[in-house]
Amino acid sequence: MQKSTLLALLRSDRVALVAAVWLVLIAGVALVGPEIVGKAATSIDLRARNAPPFDFSRDWVHWLGSDSLGRGILARIFLAARTTLGIALASVLVSMIVGGVLGIVAGLSRGRLGKVIMRSMDVVMSFPSLLMALIVLYVLGGAPANIVVVLAITRLPVYVRTARAEVLEIRERAFISAALVMGARPFHLALHHITPLVLPTLLIIGSLDFAYVMLAESALSFLGMGVQPPSITWGLMVAEGRGYLASAWWLAFWPGLFIMLTALAANLLAGWFRIANDPTLRAAQGDASHA
C-alpha cells in the first residue's frame, strides 16, 4: 500500500490519528528529552522535596511536582522515556526478526528441522513468561541488555507460530509452485516471495507486542527485578513512588499515566494498522462510516 493511501486512511480515523501523534511525541521525547532536561533530572534539591504539581512559579521541569530528593518529575519522565521505549522497541524487534525467520524456516521445512523449532517454542510457552523473566533476571541482573533478551525470548513463540501458519498457507499458492518449477531456490523463495507477505502480519503483532513488552518491563522494574538506579524507567519511577501514595501521589501517578497512555496508543494504532492492511476490513469500515 502506498504511503499517501496510508496517510489518508490515518487522517480519516481520528482515534488512530491521535494515537499516532501521541506516539510520535513520545518518540521525540525519548530521542531528545534527556538532552533537553540535562542535569535537571538528576540534580538533588532538598528544598523542593515532594513539591506538589502545577506550581508554575518553578522551572518547567517541576510543573508535575518533585520527588523525594527534589528532582523534577517531568524531567525524570523525559529521561526515563528513552530507557523504557528503547527496551520495549529492542525486545520487539529481536523477537520479531528471530521469530519471523524461525517461523519461515519451520513453515518451509518438511523434515525434522521444522519439528525441532516448534517443539522448542512449546518448551518456551510452557513457562509463565513473567515468572521466567523474574528467575533469569534474578540470576543475571537487571541490566537493560538482559531485560531485552529475556523479554524477546518470552515473545518468540507468538512470531514463530504466526509466521509458520502464514507460510503453510502461502506455500500452497500457484505462484509458489510456479517459482519452484522455474528453479527458485528455498532462500530466494523465502526472501522474495514469502517474507513480503508475512511481514505485514508480523508488524501488526509487533505493534501490539510493543504495549505488552512495555508493560512487562514496567512490571519487572516495579517488582525490583528490572532496571536499577542510576538508570531510570517509568516502571521504576512508579516503584519509587509507591511509598508516598498517601502524601505525594504525583510521584507514581504521572509515570503510571504515561505508561497507560503509551500502551493504549500502541494498541489503538495496531488495531488501525490491521484494518488498513486488510481490504475486507477496510471496506467494511468504510461502509459502516457511510451508514
C-alpha atoms as a PDB file:
ATOM      1  CA  MET A   1       0.000   0.000   0.000  1.00  0.00           C
ATOM      2  CA  GLN A   2       1.279   3.476  -0.894  1.00  0.00           C
ATOM      3  CA  LYS A   3       2.264   5.925   1.830  1.00  0.00           C
ATOM      4  CA  SER A   4      -0.251   8.515   0.581  1.00  0.00           C
ATOM      5  CA  THR A   5      -3.060   5.972   0.935  1.00  0.00           C
ATOM      6  CA  LEU A   6      -1.990   5.063   4.463  1.00  0.00           C
ATOM      7  CA  LEU A   7      -1.831   8.737   5.474  1.00  0.00           C
ATOM      8  CA  ALA A   8      -5.286   9.357   4.004  1.00  0.00           C
ATOM      9  CA  LEU A   9      -6.678   6.388   5.946  1.00  0.00           C
ATOM     10  CA  LEU A  10      -4.980   7.618   9.118  1.00  0.00           C
ATOM     11  CA  ARG A  11      -6.417  11.102   8.754  1.00  0.00           C
ATOM     12  CA  SER A  12      -9.885   9.621   8.325  1.00  0.00           C
ATOM     13  CA  ASP A  13      -9.630   7.791  11.675  1.00  0.00           C
ATOM     14  CA  ARG A  14      -9.381  10.449  14.384  1.00  0.00           C
ATOM     15  CA  VAL A  15      -8.733   7.999  17.218  1.00  0.00           C
ATOM     16  CA  ALA A  16      -5.841   6.354  15.372  1.00  0.00           C
ATOM     17  CA  LEU A  17      -4.523   9.785  14.364  1.00  0.00           C
ATOM     18  CA  VAL A  18      -4.444  10.965  17.988  1.00  0.00           C
ATOM     19  CA  ALA A  19      -2.704   7.711  18.971  1.00  0.00           C
ATOM     20  CA  ALA A  20      -0.120   8.181  16.217  1.00  0.00           C
ATOM     21  CA  VAL A  21       0.521  11.804  17.251  1.00  0.00           C
ATOM     22  CA  TRP A  22       1.000  10.740  20.879  1.00  0.00           C
ATOM     23  CA  LEU A  23       3.478   8.010  19.906  1.00  0.00           C
ATOM     24  CA  VAL A  24       5.406  10.444  17.702  1.00  0.00           C
ATOM     25  CA  LEU A  25       5.602  12.925  20.592  1.00  0.00           C
ATOM     26  CA  ILE A  26       6.772  10.217  22.996  1.00  0.00           C
ATOM     27  CA  ALA A  27       9.347   9.030  20.464  1.00  0.00           C
ATOM     28  CA  GLY A  28      10.596  12.612  20.159  1.00  0.00           C
ATOM     29  CA  VAL A  29      10.830  12.850  23.944  1.00  0.00           C
ATOM     30  CA  ALA A  30      12.808   9.599  24.049  1.00  0.00           C
ATOM     31  CA  LEU A  31      15.207  10.833  21.355  1.00  0.00           C
ATOM     32  CA  VAL A  32      15.931  14.373  22.566  1.00  0.00           C
ATOM     33  CA  GLY A  33      14.321  14.576  26.019  1.00  0.00           C
ATOM     34  CA  PRO A  34      17.419  13.665  28.065  1.00  0.00           C
ATOM     35  CA  GLU A  35      19.437  16.322  26.226  1.00  0.00           C
ATOM     36  CA  ILE A  36      16.694  18.929  26.823  1.00  0.00           C
ATOM     37  CA  VAL A  37      16.413  18.362  30.574  1.00  0.00           C
ATOM     38  CA  GLY A  38      20.163  17.921  31.061  1.00  0.00           C
ATOM     39  CA  LYS A  39      21.117  17.556  34.718  1.00  0.00           C
ATOM     40  CA  ALA A  40      17.671  18.651  35.933  1.00  0.00           C
ATOM     41  CA  ALA A  41      16.561  15.011  36.077  1.00  0.00           C
ATOM     42  CA  THR A  42      19.371  14.007  38.439  1.00  0.00           C
ATOM     43  CA  SER A  43      20.135  17.209  40.388  1.00  0.00           C
ATOM     44  CA  ILE A  44      19.098  16.953  44.046  1.00  0.00           C
ATOM     45  CA  ASP A  45      17.276  19.918  45.602  1.00  0.00           C
ATOM     46  CA  LEU A  46      16.043  19.062  49.101  1.00  0.00           C
ATOM     47  CA  ARG A  47      14.230  22.404  49.328  1.00  0.00           C
ATOM     48  CA  ALA A  48      11.864  21.121  46.617  1.00  0.00           C
ATOM     49  CA  ARG A  49      11.401  17.731  48.261  1.00  0.00           C
ATOM     50  CA  ASN A  50       7.978  16.264  47.322  1.00  0.00           C
ATOM     51  CA  ALA A  51       6.871  19.620  45.950  1.00  0.00           C
ATOM     52  CA  PRO A  52       3.306  19.397  44.584  1.00  0.00           C
ATOM     53  CA  PRO A  53       2.486  19.687  40.870  1.00  0.00           C
ATOM     54  CA  PHE A  54       1.162  22.717  38.990  1.00  0.00           C
ATOM     55  CA  ASP A  55       3.384  25.203  40.779  1.00  0.00           C
ATOM     56  CA  PHE A  56       4.206  27.289  37.712  1.00  0.00           C
ATOM     57  CA  SER A  57       6.465  29.614  39.672  1.00  0.00           C
ATOM     58  CA  ARG A  58       9.129  26.901  39.495  1.00  0.00           C
ATOM     59  CA  ASP A  59      11.093  25.737  36.462  1.00  0.00           C
ATOM     60  CA  TRP A  60       9.074  23.790  33.892  1.00  0.00           C
ATOM     61  CA  VAL A  61      10.772  20.524  34.869  1.00  0.00           C
ATOM     62  CA  HIS A  62       8.971  20.794  38.245  1.00  0.00           C
ATOM     63  CA  TRP A  63       5.494  21.511  36.840  1.00  0.00           C
ATOM     64  CA  LEU A  64       4.413  17.910  37.520  1.00  0.00           C
ATOM     65  CA  GLY A  65       5.894  18.034  41.016  1.00  0.00           C
ATOM     66  CA  SER A  66       9.148  16.801  42.525  1.00  0.00           C
ATOM     67  CA  ASP A  67      10.229  13.508  44.048  1.00  0.00           C
ATOM     68  CA  SER A  68      11.625  12.746  47.499  1.00  0.00           C
ATOM     69  CA  LEU A  69      15.023  14.186  46.514  1.00  0.00           C
ATOM     70  CA  GLY A  70      13.648  17.315  44.872  1.00  0.00           C
ATOM     71  CA  ARG A  71      14.161  16.124  41.297  1.00  0.00           C
ATOM     72  CA  GLY A  72      11.554  17.277  38.780  1.00  0.00           C
ATOM     73  CA  ILE A  73       9.055  14.541  37.870  1.00  0.00           C
ATOM     74  CA  LEU A  74       8.669  15.848  34.306  1.00  0.00           C
ATOM     75  CA  ALA A  75      12.432  15.815  33.811  1.00  0.00           C
ATOM     76  CA  ARG A  76      12.605  12.285  35.201  1.00  0.00           C
ATOM     77  CA  ILE A  77       9.826  11.157  32.840  1.00  0.00           C
ATOM     78  CA  PHE A  78      11.727  12.628  29.879  1.00  0.00           C
ATOM     79  CA  LEU A  79      14.886  10.803  30.961  1.00  0.00           C
ATOM     80  CA  ALA A  80      13.071   7.509  31.611  1.00  0.00           C
ATOM     81  CA  ALA A  81      11.283   7.575  28.239  1.00  0.00           C
ATOM     82  CA  ARG A  82      14.468   6.681  26.360  1.00  0.00           C
ATOM     83  CA  THR A  83      15.167   3.607  28.502  1.00  0.00           C
ATOM     84  CA  THR A  84      11.552   2.414  28.653  1.00  0.00           C
ATOM     85  CA  LEU A  85      10.834   2.761  24.946  1.00  0.00           C
ATOM     86  CA  GLY A  86      14.309   1.573  23.981  1.00  0.00           C
ATOM     87  CA  ILE A  87      13.918  -1.686  25.886  1.00  0.00           C
ATOM     88  CA  ALA A  88      10.406  -2.263  24.501  1.00  0.00           C
ATOM     89  CA  LEU A  89      11.390  -1.492  20.894  1.00  0.00           C
ATOM     90  CA  ALA A  90      14.573  -3.586  21.020  1.00  0.00           C
ATOM     91  CA  SER A  91      12.717  -6.551  22.540  1.00  0.00           C
ATOM     92  CA  VAL A  92      10.004  -6.415  19.883  1.00  0.00           C
ATOM     93  CA  LEU A  93      12.494  -6.101  17.021  1.00  0.00           C
ATOM     94  CA  VAL A  94      14.640  -9.001  18.268  1.00  0.00           C
ATOM     95  CA  SER A  95      11.683 -11.311  18.834  1.00  0.00           C
ATOM     96  CA  MET A  96      10.019 -10.310  15.543  1.00  0.00           C
ATOM     97  CA  ILE A  97      13.149 -10.805  13.420  1.00  0.00           C
ATOM     98  CA  VAL A  98      14.326 -14.022  15.072  1.00  0.00           C
ATOM     99  CA  GLY A  99      10.808 -15.412  15.425  1.00  0.00           C
ATOM    100  CA  GLY A 100       9.914 -14.487  11.851  1.00  0.00           C
ATOM    101  CA  VAL A 101      12.994 -16.213  10.460  1.00  0.00           C
ATOM    102  CA  LEU A 102      12.440 -19.339  12.548  1.00  0.00           C
ATOM    103  CA  GLY A 103       8.767 -19.416  11.608  1.00  0.00           C
ATOM    104  CA  ILE A 104       9.503 -19.132   7.882  1.00  0.00           C
ATOM    105  CA  VAL A 105      12.134 -21.877   8.138  1.00  0.00           C
ATOM    106  CA  ALA A 106       9.722 -24.099  10.073  1.00  0.00           C
ATOM    107  CA  GLY A 107       6.992 -23.478   7.513  1.00  0.00           C
ATOM    108  CA  LEU A 108       9.189 -24.310   4.529  1.00  0.00           C
ATOM    109  CA  SER A 109      10.843 -27.300   6.184  1.00  0.00           C
ATOM    110  CA  ARG A 110       9.089 -30.600   5.650  1.00  0.00           C
ATOM    111  CA  GLY A 111      11.507 -32.577   7.792  1.00  0.00           C
ATOM    112  CA  ARG A 112      12.918 -32.721  11.284  1.00  0.00           C
ATOM    113  CA  LEU A 113      14.111 -29.103  11.458  1.00  0.00           C
ATOM    114  CA  GLY A 114      10.598 -27.681  11.483  1.00  0.00           C
ATOM    115  CA  LYS A 115       9.526 -30.092  14.223  1.00  0.00           C
ATOM    116  CA  VAL A 116      12.539 -29.187  16.371  1.00  0.00           C
ATOM    117  CA  ILE A 117      11.764 -25.473  16.059  1.00  0.00           C
ATOM    118  CA  MET A 118       8.106 -25.907  17.012  1.00  0.00           C
ATOM    119  CA  ARG A 119       8.853 -28.207  19.943  1.00  0.00           C
ATOM    120  CA  SER A 120      11.375 -25.647  21.202  1.00  0.00           C
ATOM    121  CA  MET A 121       8.661 -22.998  21.102  1.00  0.00           C
ATOM    122  CA  ASP A 122       6.358 -25.330  23.030  1.00  0.00           C
ATOM    123  CA  VAL A 123       9.023 -25.540  25.759  1.00  0.00           C
ATOM    124  CA  VAL A 124       9.269 -21.739  25.941  1.00  0.00           C
ATOM    125  CA  MET A 125       5.488 -21.410  26.121  1.00  0.00           C
ATOM    126  CA  SER A 126       5.265 -23.965  28.922  1.00  0.00           C
ATOM    127  CA  PHE A 127       6.862 -21.472  31.340  1.00  0.00           C
ATOM    128  CA  PRO A 128       4.888 -18.426  32.568  1.00  0.00           C
ATOM    129  CA  SER A 129       6.657 -15.544  30.835  1.00  0.00           C
ATOM    130  CA  LEU A 130       6.805 -13.169  33.792  1.00  0.00           C
ATOM    131  CA  LEU A 131       7.988 -15.900  36.161  1.00  0.00           C
ATOM    132  CA  MET A 132      10.719 -16.972  33.735  1.00  0.00           C
ATOM    133  CA  ALA A 133      11.809 -13.339  33.353  1.00  0.00           C
ATOM    134  CA  LEU A 134      11.971 -12.902  37.136  1.00  0.00           C
ATOM    135  CA  ILE A 135      14.111 -16.032  37.579  1.00  0.00           C
ATOM    136  CA  VAL A 136      16.531 -15.169  34.770  1.00  0.00           C
ATOM    137  CA  LEU A 137      16.916 -11.543  35.854  1.00  0.00           C
ATOM    138  CA  TYR A 138      17.451 -12.612  39.456  1.00  0.00           C
ATOM    139  CA  VAL A 139      20.413 -14.701  38.279  1.00  0.00           C
ATOM    140  CA  LEU A 140      21.829 -12.384  35.597  1.00  0.00           C
ATOM    141  CA  GLY A 141      20.840  -8.982  36.993  1.00  0.00           C
ATOM    142  CA  GLY A 142      18.590  -6.246  35.670  1.00  0.00           C
ATOM    143  CA  ALA A 143      20.853  -4.746  33.009  1.00  0.00           C
ATOM    144  CA  PRO A 144      18.864  -3.366  30.022  1.00  0.00           C
ATOM    145  CA  ALA A 145      20.505  -5.880  27.658  1.00  0.00           C
ATOM    146  CA  ASN A 146      19.430  -8.787  29.878  1.00  0.00           C
ATOM    147  CA  ILE A 147      15.864  -7.455  30.001  1.00  0.00           C
ATOM    148  CA  VAL A 148      15.763  -7.153  26.205  1.00  0.00           C
ATOM    149  CA  VAL A 149      16.950 -10.749  25.734  1.00  0.00           C
ATOM    150  CA  VAL A 150      14.566 -12.185  28.329  1.00  0.00           C
ATOM    151  CA  LEU A 151      11.500 -10.328  27.045  1.00  0.00           C
ATOM    152  CA  ALA A 152      12.395 -11.202  23.442  1.00  0.00           C
ATOM    153  CA  ILE A 153      12.656 -14.911  24.282  1.00  0.00           C
ATOM    154  CA  THR A 154       9.305 -14.931  26.074  1.00  0.00           C
ATOM    155  CA  ARG A 155       7.606 -13.443  22.980  1.00  0.00           C
ATOM    156  CA  LEU A 156       9.327 -15.650  20.377  1.00  0.00           C
ATOM    157  CA  PRO A 157       6.594 -18.342  20.158  1.00  0.00           C
ATOM    158  CA  VAL A 158       3.995 -15.804  19.048  1.00  0.00           C
ATOM    159  CA  TYR A 159       6.017 -14.781  15.996  1.00  0.00           C
ATOM    160  CA  VAL A 160       7.240 -18.297  15.180  1.00  0.00           C
ATOM    161  CA  ARG A 161       3.751 -19.797  15.245  1.00  0.00           C
ATOM    162  CA  THR A 162       2.219 -16.920  13.282  1.00  0.00           C
ATOM    163  CA  ALA A 163       4.929 -16.909  10.612  1.00  0.00           C
ATOM    164  CA  ARG A 164       4.764 -20.696  10.242  1.00  0.00           C
ATOM    165  CA  ALA A 165       0.972 -20.648   9.865  1.00  0.00           C
ATOM    166  CA  GLU A 166       1.245 -17.952   7.192  1.00  0.00           C
ATOM    167  CA  VAL A 167       3.952 -19.863   5.309  1.00  0.00           C
ATOM    168  CA  LEU A 168       1.981 -23.127   5.372  1.00  0.00           C
ATOM    169  CA  GLU A 169      -0.842 -21.341   3.581  1.00  0.00           C
ATOM    170  CA  ILE A 170       1.326 -19.303   1.192  1.00  0.00           C
ATOM    171  CA  ARG A 171       3.471 -22.226   0.007  1.00  0.00           C
ATOM    172  CA  GLU A 172       0.386 -23.927  -1.473  1.00  0.00           C
ATOM    173  CA  ARG A 173      -0.398 -20.996  -3.764  1.00  0.00           C
ATOM    174  CA  ALA A 174       0.069 -21.225  -7.500  1.00  0.00           C
ATOM    175  CA  PHE A 175       2.812 -18.594  -7.796  1.00  0.00           C
ATOM    176  CA  ILE A 176       4.981 -20.511  -5.303  1.00  0.00           C
ATOM    177  CA  SER A 177       4.572 -23.691  -7.364  1.00  0.00           C
ATOM    178  CA  ALA A 178       5.467 -21.731 -10.494  1.00  0.00           C
ATOM    179  CA  ALA A 179       8.585 -20.319  -8.840  1.00  0.00           C
ATOM    180  CA  LEU A 180       9.673 -23.812  -7.792  1.00  0.00           C
ATOM    181  CA  VAL A 181       9.146 -25.137 -11.302  1.00  0.00           C
ATOM    182  CA  MET A 182      11.300 -22.321 -12.656  1.00  0.00           C
ATOM    183  CA  GLY A 183      14.121 -23.389 -10.339  1.00  0.00           C
ATOM    184  CA  ALA A 184      13.817 -20.896  -7.465  1.00  0.00           C
ATOM    185  CA  ARG A 185      15.989 -21.874  -4.507  1.00  0.00           C
ATOM    186  CA  PRO A 186      14.479 -22.004  -0.996  1.00  0.00           C
ATOM    187  CA  PHE A 187      16.416 -18.908   0.167  1.00  0.00           C
ATOM    188  CA  HIS A 188      15.264 -16.877  -2.847  1.00  0.00           C
ATOM    189  CA  LEU A 189      11.724 -18.153  -2.360  1.00  0.00           C
ATOM    190  CA  ALA A 190      11.675 -17.191   1.307  1.00  0.00           C
ATOM    191  CA  LEU A 191      13.271 -13.771   0.814  1.00  0.00           C
ATOM    192  CA  HIS A 192      11.474 -12.513  -2.288  1.00  0.00           C
ATOM    193  CA  HIS A 193       8.134 -14.325  -2.314  1.00  0.00           C
ATOM    194  CA  ILE A 194       7.169 -15.277   1.245  1.00  0.00           C
ATOM    195  CA  THR A 195       8.684 -12.636   3.519  1.00  0.00           C
ATOM    196  CA  PRO A 196       6.829  -9.679   1.882  1.00  0.00           C
ATOM    197  CA  LEU A 197       3.524 -11.467   2.502  1.00  0.00           C
ATOM    198  CA  VAL A 198       4.321 -12.494   6.073  1.00  0.00           C
ATOM    199  CA  LEU A 199       5.850  -9.168   7.165  1.00  0.00           C
ATOM    200  CA  PRO A 200       2.603  -7.111   7.475  1.00  0.00           C
ATOM    201  CA  THR A 201       1.139  -9.671   9.874  1.00  0.00           C
ATOM    202  CA  LEU A 202       4.317  -9.685  11.960  1.00  0.00           C
ATOM    203  CA  LEU A 203       4.300  -5.877  12.067  1.00  0.00           C
ATOM    204  CA  ILE A 204       0.742  -5.874  13.385  1.00  0.00           C
ATOM    205  CA  ILE A 205       1.690  -8.372  16.093  1.00  0.00           C
ATOM    206  CA  GLY A 206       4.810  -6.315  16.831  1.00  0.00           C
ATOM    207  CA  SER A 207       2.806  -3.137  17.348  1.00  0.00           C
ATOM    208  CA  LEU A 208       0.522  -4.990  19.751  1.00  0.00           C
ATOM    209  CA  ASP A 209       3.512  -6.610  21.440  1.00  0.00           C
ATOM    210  CA  PHE A 210       5.145  -3.212  21.960  1.00  0.00           C
ATOM    211  CA  ALA A 211       2.488  -2.322  24.512  1.00  0.00           C
ATOM    212  CA  TYR A 212       2.717  -5.753  26.165  1.00  0.00           C
ATOM    213  CA  VAL A 213       6.521  -5.658  26.413  1.00  0.00           C
ATOM    214  CA  MET A 214       6.492  -2.122  27.782  1.00  0.00           C
ATOM    215  CA  LEU A 215       4.020  -3.160  30.474  1.00  0.00           C
ATOM    216  CA  ALA A 216       6.099  -6.271  31.231  1.00  0.00           C
ATOM    217  CA  GLU A 217       9.262  -4.165  31.633  1.00  0.00           C
ATOM    218  CA  SER A 218       7.370  -1.771  33.891  1.00  0.00           C
ATOM    219  CA  ALA A 219       6.130  -4.698  35.978  1.00  0.00           C
ATOM    220  CA  LEU A 220       9.655  -6.090  36.321  1.00  0.00           C
ATOM    221  CA  SER A 221      11.003  -2.688  37.358  1.00  0.00           C
ATOM    222  CA  PHE A 222       8.112  -2.253  39.799  1.00  0.00           C
ATOM    223  CA  LEU A 223       8.963  -5.619  41.371  1.00  0.00           C
ATOM    224  CA  GLY A 224      12.599  -4.579  41.724  1.00  0.00           C
ATOM    225  CA  MET A 225      13.953  -7.039  39.132  1.00  0.00           C
ATOM    226  CA  GLY A 226      14.235  -4.652  36.203  1.00  0.00           C
ATOM    227  CA  VAL A 227      16.433  -1.660  35.551  1.00  0.00           C
ATOM    228  CA  GLN A 228      18.204  -0.424  38.669  1.00  0.00           C
ATOM    229  CA  PRO A 229      19.333   3.100  39.663  1.00  0.00           C
ATOM    230  CA  PRO A 230      21.034   5.266  38.494  1.00  0.00           C
ATOM    231  CA  SER A 231      19.208   4.189  35.313  1.00  0.00           C
ATOM    232  CA  ILE A 232      15.515   5.006  35.336  1.00  0.00           C
ATOM    233  CA  THR A 233      12.349   3.747  33.655  1.00  0.00           C
ATOM    234  CA  TRP A 234       8.718   4.684  34.057  1.00  0.00           C
ATOM    235  CA  GLY A 235       8.095   1.427  35.919  1.00  0.00           C
ATOM    236  CA  LEU A 236      10.924   2.158  38.338  1.00  0.00           C
ATOM    237  CA  MET A 237       9.501   5.638  38.932  1.00  0.00           C
ATOM    238  CA  VAL A 238       6.172   4.064  39.889  1.00  0.00           C
ATOM    239  CA  ALA A 239       8.006   1.676  42.226  1.00  0.00           C
ATOM    240  CA  GLU A 240       9.875   4.560  43.864  1.00  0.00           C
ATOM    241  CA  GLY A 241       6.648   6.474  44.374  1.00  0.00           C
ATOM    242  CA  ARG A 242       4.527   3.688  45.867  1.00  0.00           C
ATOM    243  CA  GLY A 243       5.764   4.500  49.381  1.00  0.00           C
ATOM    244  CA  TYR A 244       4.475   8.065  49.053  1.00  0.00           C
ATOM    245  CA  LEU A 245       0.983   7.394  47.665  1.00  0.00           C
ATOM    246  CA  ALA A 246      -0.706   8.890  50.749  1.00  0.00           C
ATOM    247  CA  SER A 247       1.453  12.019  50.948  1.00  0.00           C
ATOM    248  CA  ALA A 248       2.788  12.607  47.400  1.00  0.00           C
ATOM    249  CA  TRP A 249       0.561  10.793  44.904  1.00  0.00           C
ATOM    250  CA  TRP A 250       2.182  12.519  41.928  1.00  0.00           C
ATOM    251  CA  LEU A 251       5.402  10.519  42.266  1.00  0.00           C
ATOM    252  CA  ALA A 252       3.679   7.376  40.992  1.00  0.00           C
ATOM    253  CA  PHE A 253       0.691   8.876  39.174  1.00  0.00           C
ATOM    254  CA  TRP A 254       2.442  10.714  36.342  1.00  0.00           C
ATOM    255  CA  PRO A 255       4.784   7.922  35.187  1.00  0.00           C
ATOM    256  CA  GLY A 256       1.890   5.484  35.518  1.00  0.00           C
ATOM    257  CA  LEU A 257      -0.237   7.768  33.336  1.00  0.00           C
ATOM    258  CA  PHE A 258       2.489   7.887  30.679  1.00  0.00           C
ATOM    259  CA  ILE A 259       2.699   4.074  30.716  1.00  0.00           C
ATOM    260  CA  MET A 260      -1.076   3.758  30.331  1.00  0.00           C
ATOM    261  CA  LEU A 261      -1.409   6.352  27.548  1.00  0.00           C
ATOM    262  CA  THR A 262       1.527   4.979  25.553  1.00  0.00           C
ATOM    263  CA  ALA A 263       0.304   1.382  25.823  1.00  0.00           C
ATOM    264  CA  LEU A 264      -3.221   2.473  24.854  1.00  0.00           C
ATOM    265  CA  ALA A 265      -1.938   4.447  21.869  1.00  0.00           C
ATOM    266  CA  ALA A 266       0.140   1.485  20.666  1.00  0.00           C
ATOM    267  CA  ASN A 267      -2.874  -0.835  20.888  1.00  0.00           C
ATOM    268  CA  LEU A 268      -5.168   1.613  19.073  1.00  0.00           C
ATOM    269  CA  LEU A 269      -2.633   2.157  16.296  1.00  0.00           C
ATOM    270  CA  ALA A 270      -2.092  -1.600  15.964  1.00  0.00           C
ATOM    271  CA  GLY A 271      -5.837  -2.104  15.517  1.00  0.00           C
ATOM    272  CA  TRP A 272      -5.938   0.595  12.853  1.00  0.00           C
ATOM    273  CA  PHE A 273      -2.908  -0.878  11.076  1.00  0.00           C
ATOM    274  CA  ARG A 274      -4.636  -4.270  10.976  1.00  0.00           C
ATOM    275  CA  ILE A 275      -7.702  -2.739   9.329  1.00  0.00           C
ATOM    276  CA  ALA A 276      -5.599  -0.639   6.937  1.00  0.00           C
ATOM    277  CA  ASN A 277      -3.769  -3.743   5.663  1.00  0.00           C
ATOM    278  CA  ASP A 278      -6.905  -5.863   5.227  1.00  0.00           C
ATOM    279  CA  PRO A 279      -9.013  -4.769   2.201  1.00  0.00           C
ATOM    280  CA  THR A 280     -12.067  -6.639   3.519  1.00  0.00           C
ATOM    281  CA  LEU A 281     -11.987  -4.956   6.937  1.00  0.00           C
ATOM    282  CA  ARG A 282     -11.196  -1.615   5.322  1.00  0.00           C
ATOM    283  CA  ALA A 283     -14.211  -1.881   3.020  1.00  0.00           C
ATOM    284  CA  ALA A 284     -16.444  -2.937   5.916  1.00  0.00           C
ATOM    285  CA  GLN A 285     -15.297   0.039   7.984  1.00  0.00           C
ATOM    286  CA  GLY A 286     -15.919   2.357   5.061  1.00  0.00           C
ATOM    287  CA  ASP A 287     -19.463   1.006   4.630  1.00  0.00           C
ATOM    288  CA  ALA A 288     -20.115   1.421   8.364  1.00  0.00           C
ATOM    289  CA  SER A 289     -18.890   5.011   8.357  1.00  0.00           C
ATOM    290  CA  HIS A 290     -21.220   5.899   5.473  1.00  0.00           C
ATOM    291  CA  ALA A 291     -24.202   4.141   7.011  1.00  0.00           C
END
